[in-house]
Amino acid sequence: MSETSIATFIGAVVTLAATVLTQIVHAHVEKNKSRWEMQQKEYQSKRERLNEVYKELITIINLFPNSSPNDVLKWVEYAPNYSLETFDAVIEILDYQIDDYKKQLGSANIDYEQKSNIKVQISNREYSKKKICEIRDNYFNARDEYKSFCTADKVLFDLYAGQNVKNDLVKFEVVIHNAFISGHSVGDADDPLNNSIEICRRNLINSMRNDIGIN
């Protein structure tokens, strides 16, 4: 074989190899591009599905009060203890105490200081009753809305929500259970940095925003 033929053969081989390599690289690029496009579509689909679910969930968790009846009652002497959603029982006991204090006011054997103290006790209980009624109504409304959410949208939530969101929802459920079933204190109702419900609520909302790419 002449040198010209060898050179031509080698050139053809090199050209073929270059062509094959180009095709391989192109195929790899197209495969990655297709995979990226599919991931983007999946992400967009997830975001669209979760957007409405998260909006509804945020609305619901914001309905829950940020204090339990025991947080209100800690300022009341000889206060009844709340647990297991017994709002009405606690209010009834406060009513009995108020009636008893009012009877004491009618006694002729109490001095000015005793009378002032009794009035304070009555005032504290009247205020506590009002706050507990507000907490009760807000809590039951939020609880029922959350039950409806779990029935209608929890499957979609479980399918698409990120793990951080799921974890933070569990934490929120636990702190709500602790406050309104177990009767634990939530901390300081007026300080969001020292209130267990506010902390868990804020963390959950931030997790949902991060999950769908909202900063």
C-alpha atoms as a PDB file:
ATOM      1  CA  MET A   1       0.000   0.000   0.000  1.00  0.00           C
ATOM      2  CA  SER A   2       1.405   3.370  -1.017  1.00  0.00           C
ATOM      3  CA  GLU A   3       2.083   6.144   1.450  1.00  0.00           C
ATOM      4  CA  THR A   4      -0.766   8.131  -0.082  1.00  0.00           C
ATOM      5  CA  SER A   5      -3.205   5.280   0.439  1.00  0.00           C
ATOM      6  CA  ILE A   6      -2.050   4.802   4.029  1.00  0.00           C
ATOM      7  CA  ALA A   7      -2.431   8.505   4.715  1.00  0.00           C
ATOM      8  CA  THR A   8      -5.885   8.465   3.136  1.00  0.00           C
ATOM      9  CA  PHE A   9      -6.855   5.409   5.209  1.00  0.00           C
ATOM     10  CA  ILE A  10      -5.583   6.953   8.405  1.00  0.00           C
ATOM     11  CA  GLY A  11      -7.404  10.188   7.602  1.00  0.00           C
ATOM     12  CA  ALA A  12     -10.617   8.269   7.000  1.00  0.00           C
ATOM     13  CA  VAL A  13     -10.223   6.411  10.298  1.00  0.00           C
ATOM     14  CA  VAL A  14      -9.534   9.633  12.172  1.00  0.00           C
ATOM     15  CA  THR A  15     -12.538  11.295  10.526  1.00  0.00           C
ATOM     16  CA  LEU A  16     -14.740   8.328  11.368  1.00  0.00           C
ATOM     17  CA  ALA A  17     -13.506   8.289  14.945  1.00  0.00           C
ATOM     18  CA  ALA A  18     -14.087  12.017  15.261  1.00  0.00           C
ATOM     19  CA  THR A  19     -17.575  11.617  13.809  1.00  0.00           C
ATOM     20  CA  VAL A  20     -18.402   8.778  16.198  1.00  0.00           C
ATOM     21  CA  LEU A  21     -16.996  10.718  19.147  1.00  0.00           C
ATOM     22  CA  THR A  22     -19.002  13.774  18.144  1.00  0.00           C
ATOM     23  CA  GLN A  23     -22.141  11.665  17.937  1.00  0.00           C
ATOM     24  CA  ILE A  24     -21.442  10.121  21.347  1.00  0.00           C
ATOM     25  CA  VAL A  25     -20.848  13.534  22.901  1.00  0.00           C
ATOM     26  CA  HIS A  26     -23.969  14.906  21.213  1.00  0.00           C
ATOM     27  CA  ALA A  27     -26.038  11.955  22.416  1.00  0.00           C
ATOM     28  CA  HIS A  28     -24.700  12.432  25.949  1.00  0.00           C
ATOM     29  CA  VAL A  29     -25.500  16.137  25.838  1.00  0.00           C
ATOM     30  CA  GLU A  30     -29.001  15.453  24.509  1.00  0.00           C
ATOM     31  CA  LYS A  31     -29.540  12.815  27.191  1.00  0.00           C
ATOM     32  CA  ASN A  32     -28.501  15.234  29.926  1.00  0.00           C
ATOM     33  CA  LYS A  33     -30.598  17.972  28.366  1.00  0.00           C
ATOM     34  CA  SER A  34     -33.614  15.673  28.233  1.00  0.00           C
ATOM     35  CA  ARG A  35     -33.043  14.631  31.824  1.00  0.00           C
ATOM     36  CA  TRP A  36     -32.724  18.285  32.909  1.00  0.00           C
ATOM     37  CA  GLU A  37     -35.897  19.225  31.026  1.00  0.00           C
ATOM     38  CA  MET A  38     -37.734  16.329  32.661  1.00  0.00           C
ATOM     39  CA  GLN A  39     -36.504  17.396  36.086  1.00  0.00           C
ATOM     40  CA  GLN A  40     -37.637  20.949  35.402  1.00  0.00           C
ATOM     41  CA  LYS A  41     -41.073  19.715  34.348  1.00  0.00           C
ATOM     42  CA  GLU A  42     -41.321  17.545  37.443  1.00  0.00           C
ATOM     43  CA  TYR A  43     -40.230  20.460  39.625  1.00  0.00           C
ATOM     44  CA  GLN A  44     -42.756  22.779  37.973  1.00  0.00           C
ATOM     45  CA  SER A  45     -45.511  20.193  38.361  1.00  0.00           C
ATOM     46  CA  LYS A  46     -44.585  19.707  42.017  1.00  0.00           C
ATOM     47  CA  ARG A  47     -44.544  23.443  42.626  1.00  0.00           C
ATOM     48  CA  GLU A  48     -47.935  23.945  40.983  1.00  0.00           C
ATOM     49  CA  ARG A  49     -49.507  21.089  42.938  1.00  0.00           C
ATOM     50  CA  LEU A  50     -47.948  22.082  46.242  1.00  0.00           C
ATOM     51  CA  ASN A  51     -48.577  25.788  45.876  1.00  0.00           C
ATOM     52  CA  GLU A  52     -52.320  25.501  46.523  1.00  0.00           C
ATOM     53  CA  VAL A  53     -51.876  22.793  49.163  1.00  0.00           C
ATOM     54  CA  TYR A  54     -49.326  24.880  51.039  1.00  0.00           C
ATOM     55  CA  LYS A  55     -51.484  28.010  50.820  1.00  0.00           C
ATOM     56  CA  GLU A  56     -54.373  26.145  52.405  1.00  0.00           C
ATOM     57  CA  LEU A  57     -52.184  24.592  55.086  1.00  0.00           C
ATOM     58  CA  ILE A  58     -50.644  27.956  56.014  1.00  0.00           C
ATOM     59  CA  THR A  59     -54.119  29.450  56.370  1.00  0.00           C
ATOM     60  CA  ILE A  60     -55.138  26.599  58.664  1.00  0.00           C
ATOM     61  CA  ILE A  61     -52.097  26.577  60.947  1.00  0.00           C
ATOM     62  CA  ASN A  62     -52.451  30.330  61.383  1.00  0.00           C
ATOM     63  CA  LEU A  63     -55.909  29.703  62.854  1.00  0.00           C
ATOM     64  CA  PHE A  64     -54.495  27.894  65.882  1.00  0.00           C
ATOM     65  CA  PRO A  65     -54.222  30.096  68.999  1.00  0.00           C
ATOM     66  CA  ASN A  66     -50.747  30.729  70.356  1.00  0.00           C
ATOM     67  CA  SER A  67     -51.548  29.902  73.982  1.00  0.00           C
ATOM     68  CA  SER A  68     -53.339  27.194  75.949  1.00  0.00           C
ATOM     69  CA  PRO A  69     -55.847  27.771  78.757  1.00  0.00           C
ATOM     70  CA  ASN A  70     -53.165  26.860  81.301  1.00  0.00           C
ATOM     71  CA  ASP A  71     -51.036  29.745  80.004  1.00  0.00           C
ATOM     72  CA  VAL A  72     -53.919  32.068  80.853  1.00  0.00           C
ATOM     73  CA  LEU A  73     -54.682  30.390  84.186  1.00  0.00           C
ATOM     74  CA  LYS A  74     -51.141  30.596  85.543  1.00  0.00           C
ATOM     75  CA  TRP A  75     -51.950  34.111  86.780  1.00  0.00           C
ATOM     76  CA  VAL A  76     -55.024  32.891  88.694  1.00  0.00           C
ATOM     77  CA  GLU A  77     -54.756  31.670  92.301  1.00  0.00           C
ATOM     78  CA  TYR A  78     -56.211  28.196  92.891  1.00  0.00           C
ATOM     79  CA  ALA A  79     -56.972  27.900  89.213  1.00  0.00           C
ATOM     80  CA  PRO A  80     -58.482  24.740  87.712  1.00  0.00           C
ATOM     81  CA  ASN A  81     -56.144  22.621  85.586  1.00  0.00           C
ATOM     82  CA  TYR A  82     -56.909  22.280  81.886  1.00  0.00           C
ATOM     83  CA  SER A  83     -56.256  19.197  79.718  1.00  0.00           C
ATOM     84  CA  LEU A  84     -57.948  17.026  77.074  1.00  0.00           C
ATOM     85  CA  GLU A  85     -59.889  19.913  75.477  1.00  0.00           C
ATOM     86  CA  THR A  86     -61.946  20.483  78.652  1.00  0.00           C
ATOM     87  CA  PHE A  87     -62.494  24.179  77.972  1.00  0.00           C
ATOM     88  CA  ASP A  88     -66.093  24.244  79.207  1.00  0.00           C
ATOM     89  CA  ALA A  89     -65.282  22.383  82.425  1.00  0.00           C
ATOM     90  CA  VAL A  90     -62.588  24.937  83.253  1.00  0.00           C
ATOM     91  CA  ILE A  91     -64.945  27.827  82.505  1.00  0.00           C
ATOM     92  CA  GLU A  92     -67.611  26.250  84.721  1.00  0.00           C
ATOM     93  CA  ILE A  93     -65.165  25.960  87.653  1.00  0.00           C
ATOM     94  CA  LEU A  94     -64.177  29.604  87.180  1.00  0.00           C
ATOM     95  CA  ASP A  95     -67.857  30.542  87.323  1.00  0.00           C
ATOM     96  CA  TYR A  96     -68.245  28.690  90.615  1.00  0.00           C
ATOM     97  CA  GLN A  97     -65.210  30.490  92.015  1.00  0.00           C
ATOM     98  CA  ILE A  98     -66.527  33.860  90.847  1.00  0.00           C
ATOM     99  CA  ASP A  99     -69.887  33.208  92.516  1.00  0.00           C
ATOM    100  CA  ASP A 100     -68.117  32.234  95.719  1.00  0.00           C
ATOM    101  CA  TYR A 101     -66.015  35.406  95.718  1.00  0.00           C
ATOM    102  CA  LYS A 102     -69.103  37.525  95.084  1.00  0.00           C
ATOM    103  CA  LYS A 103     -70.756  35.983  98.118  1.00  0.00           C
ATOM    104  CA  GLN A 104     -67.677  36.840 100.156  1.00  0.00           C
ATOM    105  CA  LEU A 105     -68.015  40.468  99.049  1.00  0.00           C
ATOM    106  CA  GLY A 106     -71.422  40.565 100.701  1.00  0.00           C
ATOM    107  CA  SER A 107     -69.979  39.605 104.056  1.00  0.00           C
ATOM    108  CA  ALA A 108     -69.850  42.282 106.715  1.00  0.00           C
ATOM    109  CA  ASN A 109     -66.755  40.749 108.293  1.00  0.00           C
ATOM    110  CA  ILE A 110     -64.204  41.728 105.602  1.00  0.00           C
ATOM    111  CA  ASP A 111     -62.063  44.834 105.605  1.00  0.00           C
ATOM    112  CA  TYR A 112     -61.069  47.105 102.705  1.00  0.00           C
ATOM    113  CA  GLU A 113     -57.912  45.164 101.864  1.00  0.00           C
ATOM    114  CA  GLN A 114     -59.756  41.849 101.767  1.00  0.00           C
ATOM    115  CA  LYS A 115     -62.478  43.360  99.627  1.00  0.00           C
ATOM    116  CA  SER A 116     -59.906  44.743  97.174  1.00  0.00           C
ATOM    117  CA  ASN A 117     -58.214  41.349  96.924  1.00  0.00           C
ATOM    118  CA  ILE A 118     -61.528  39.627  96.262  1.00  0.00           C
ATOM    119  CA  LYS A 119     -62.325  42.088  93.485  1.00  0.00           C
ATOM    120  CA  VAL A 120     -58.941  41.350  91.921  1.00  0.00           C
ATOM    121  CA  GLN A 121     -59.643  37.616  92.087  1.00  0.00           C
ATOM    122  CA  ILE A 122     -63.005  38.111  90.390  1.00  0.00           C
ATOM    123  CA  SER A 123     -61.484  40.360  87.718  1.00  0.00           C
ATOM    124  CA  ASN A 124     -58.713  37.850  86.973  1.00  0.00           C
ATOM    125  CA  ARG A 125     -61.225  35.075  86.527  1.00  0.00           C
ATOM    126  CA  GLU A 126     -63.534  37.127  84.342  1.00  0.00           C
ATOM    127  CA  TYR A 127     -60.581  37.995  82.117  1.00  0.00           C
ATOM    128  CA  SER A 128     -59.438  34.357  82.042  1.00  0.00           C
ATOM    129  CA  LYS A 129     -62.918  33.200  81.076  1.00  0.00           C
ATOM    130  CA  LYS A 130     -63.001  35.630  78.157  1.00  0.00           C
ATOM    131  CA  LYS A 131     -59.545  34.575  76.911  1.00  0.00           C
ATOM    132  CA  ILE A 132     -60.285  30.853  77.303  1.00  0.00           C
ATOM    133  CA  CYS A 133     -63.532  31.232  75.346  1.00  0.00           C
ATOM    134  CA  GLU A 134     -61.567  32.904  72.520  1.00  0.00           C
ATOM    135  CA  ILE A 135     -58.917  30.173  72.629  1.00  0.00           C
ATOM    136  CA  ARG A 136     -61.598  27.461  72.649  1.00  0.00           C
ATOM    137  CA  ASP A 137     -63.448  28.839  69.621  1.00  0.00           C
ATOM    138  CA  ASN A 138     -60.258  29.427  67.624  1.00  0.00           C
ATOM    139  CA  TYR A 139     -58.820  26.043  68.538  1.00  0.00           C
ATOM    140  CA  PHE A 140     -61.893  24.024  67.612  1.00  0.00           C
ATOM    141  CA  ASN A 141     -62.253  25.922  64.345  1.00  0.00           C
ATOM    142  CA  ALA A 142     -58.584  25.298  63.480  1.00  0.00           C
ATOM    143  CA  ARG A 143     -58.772  21.657  64.573  1.00  0.00           C
ATOM    144  CA  ASP A 144     -61.821  20.997  62.377  1.00  0.00           C
ATOM    145  CA  GLU A 145     -60.248  22.769  59.398  1.00  0.00           C
ATOM    146  CA  TYR A 146     -57.081  20.694  59.819  1.00  0.00           C
ATOM    147  CA  LYS A 147     -59.107  17.476  59.984  1.00  0.00           C
ATOM    148  CA  SER A 148     -60.789  18.455  56.713  1.00  0.00           C
ATOM    149  CA  PHE A 149     -57.385  19.163  55.179  1.00  0.00           C
ATOM    150  CA  CYS A 150     -56.116  15.737  56.223  1.00  0.00           C
ATOM    151  CA  THR A 151     -59.163  14.116  54.634  1.00  0.00           C
ATOM    152  CA  ALA A 152     -59.029  16.058  51.361  1.00  0.00           C
ATOM    153  CA  ASP A 153     -55.398  17.006  50.701  1.00  0.00           C
ATOM    154  CA  LYS A 154     -53.107  14.969  52.966  1.00  0.00           C
ATOM    155  CA  VAL A 155     -52.499  12.325  50.267  1.00  0.00           C
ATOM    156  CA  LEU A 156     -51.265  14.976  47.849  1.00  0.00           C
ATOM    157  CA  PHE A 157     -49.215  16.536  50.617  1.00  0.00           C
ATOM    158  CA  ASP A 158     -47.601  13.206  51.541  1.00  0.00           C
ATOM    159  CA  LEU A 159     -46.822  12.510  47.883  1.00  0.00           C
ATOM    160  CA  TYR A 160     -45.165  15.802  46.937  1.00  0.00           C
ATOM    161  CA  ALA A 161     -44.102  17.645  50.106  1.00  0.00           C
ATOM    162  CA  GLY A 162     -40.406  17.793  50.932  1.00  0.00           C
ATOM    163  CA  GLN A 163     -39.071  15.850  53.914  1.00  0.00           C
ATOM    164  CA  ASN A 164     -38.262  19.019  55.869  1.00  0.00           C
ATOM    165  CA  VAL A 165     -41.865  20.154  55.495  1.00  0.00           C
ATOM    166  CA  LYS A 166     -43.167  16.770  56.647  1.00  0.00           C
ATOM    167  CA  ASN A 167     -40.852  16.828  59.652  1.00  0.00           C
ATOM    168  CA  ASP A 168     -41.888  20.358  60.627  1.00  0.00           C
ATOM    169  CA  LEU A 169     -45.582  19.489  60.283  1.00  0.00           C
ATOM    170  CA  VAL A 170     -45.095  16.589  62.707  1.00  0.00           C
ATOM    171  CA  LYS A 171     -43.380  18.967  65.156  1.00  0.00           C
ATOM    172  CA  PHE A 172     -46.282  21.403  64.825  1.00  0.00           C
ATOM    173  CA  GLU A 173     -48.798  18.607  65.468  1.00  0.00           C
ATOM    174  CA  VAL A 174     -46.850  17.571  68.569  1.00  0.00           C
ATOM    175  CA  VAL A 175     -46.742  21.072  70.054  1.00  0.00           C
ATOM    176  CA  ILE A 176     -50.475  21.534  69.407  1.00  0.00           C
ATOM    177  CA  HIS A 177     -51.178  18.188  71.089  1.00  0.00           C
ATOM    178  CA  ASN A 178     -48.982  19.160  74.038  1.00  0.00           C
ATOM    179  CA  ALA A 179     -50.780  22.473  74.485  1.00  0.00           C
ATOM    180  CA  PHE A 180     -54.418  21.472  74.006  1.00  0.00           C
ATOM    181  CA  ILE A 181     -54.508  17.781  74.895  1.00  0.00           C
ATOM    182  CA  SER A 182     -51.744  17.382  77.465  1.00  0.00           C
ATOM    183  CA  GLY A 183     -52.223  20.909  78.792  1.00  0.00           C
ATOM    184  CA  HIS A 184     -48.580  22.023  78.640  1.00  0.00           C
ATOM    185  CA  SER A 185     -47.566  25.656  78.633  1.00  0.00           C
ATOM    186  CA  VAL A 186     -46.414  27.120  75.310  1.00  0.00           C
ATOM    187  CA  GLY A 187     -44.126  29.666  76.948  1.00  0.00           C
ATOM    188  CA  ASP A 188     -44.733  33.376  76.491  1.00  0.00           C
ATOM    189  CA  ALA A 189     -47.797  34.124  74.378  1.00  0.00           C
ATOM    190  CA  ASP A 190     -46.561  37.654  73.695  1.00  0.00           C
ATOM    191  CA  ASP A 191     -43.025  36.678  72.677  1.00  0.00           C
ATOM    192  CA  PRO A 192     -42.815  34.765  69.365  1.00  0.00           C
ATOM    193  CA  LEU A 193     -39.205  33.826  70.124  1.00  0.00           C
ATOM    194  CA  ASN A 194     -40.228  32.065  73.341  1.00  0.00           C
ATOM    195  CA  ASN A 195     -43.517  30.542  72.274  1.00  0.00           C
ATOM    196  CA  SER A 196     -43.430  26.898  71.159  1.00  0.00           C
ATOM    197  CA  ILE A 197     -46.465  27.209  68.881  1.00  0.00           C
ATOM    198  CA  GLU A 198     -45.149  30.342  67.169  1.00  0.00           C
ATOM    199  CA  ILE A 199     -41.702  28.787  66.719  1.00  0.00           C
ATOM    200  CA  CYS A 200     -43.060  25.588  65.137  1.00  0.00           C
ATOM    201  CA  ARG A 201     -45.553  27.530  63.027  1.00  0.00           C
ATOM    202  CA  ARG A 202     -42.823  29.832  61.706  1.00  0.00           C
ATOM    203  CA  ASN A 203     -40.478  26.922  60.954  1.00  0.00           C
ATOM    204  CA  LEU A 204     -43.211  25.051  59.095  1.00  0.00           C
ATOM    205  CA  ILE A 205     -44.128  28.067  56.961  1.00  0.00           C
ATOM    206  CA  ASN A 206     -40.473  28.690  56.114  1.00  0.00           C
ATOM    207  CA  SER A 207     -40.012  25.030  55.137  1.00  0.00           C
ATOM    208  CA  MET A 208     -43.000  25.210  52.792  1.00  0.00           C
ATOM    209  CA  ARG A 209     -41.723  28.404  51.195  1.00  0.00           C
ATOM    210  CA  ASN A 210     -38.267  26.901  50.698  1.00  0.00           C
ATOM    211  CA  ASP A 211     -39.734  23.708  49.259  1.00  0.00           C
ATOM    212  CA  ILE A 212     -41.391  25.542  46.379  1.00  0.00           C
ATOM    213  CA  GLY A 213     -38.565  28.021  45.893  1.00  0.00           C
ATOM    214  CA  ILE A 214     -40.052  31.122  47.520  1.00  0.00           C
ATOM    215  CA  ASN A 215     -37.433  33.099  49.433  1.00  0.00           C
END
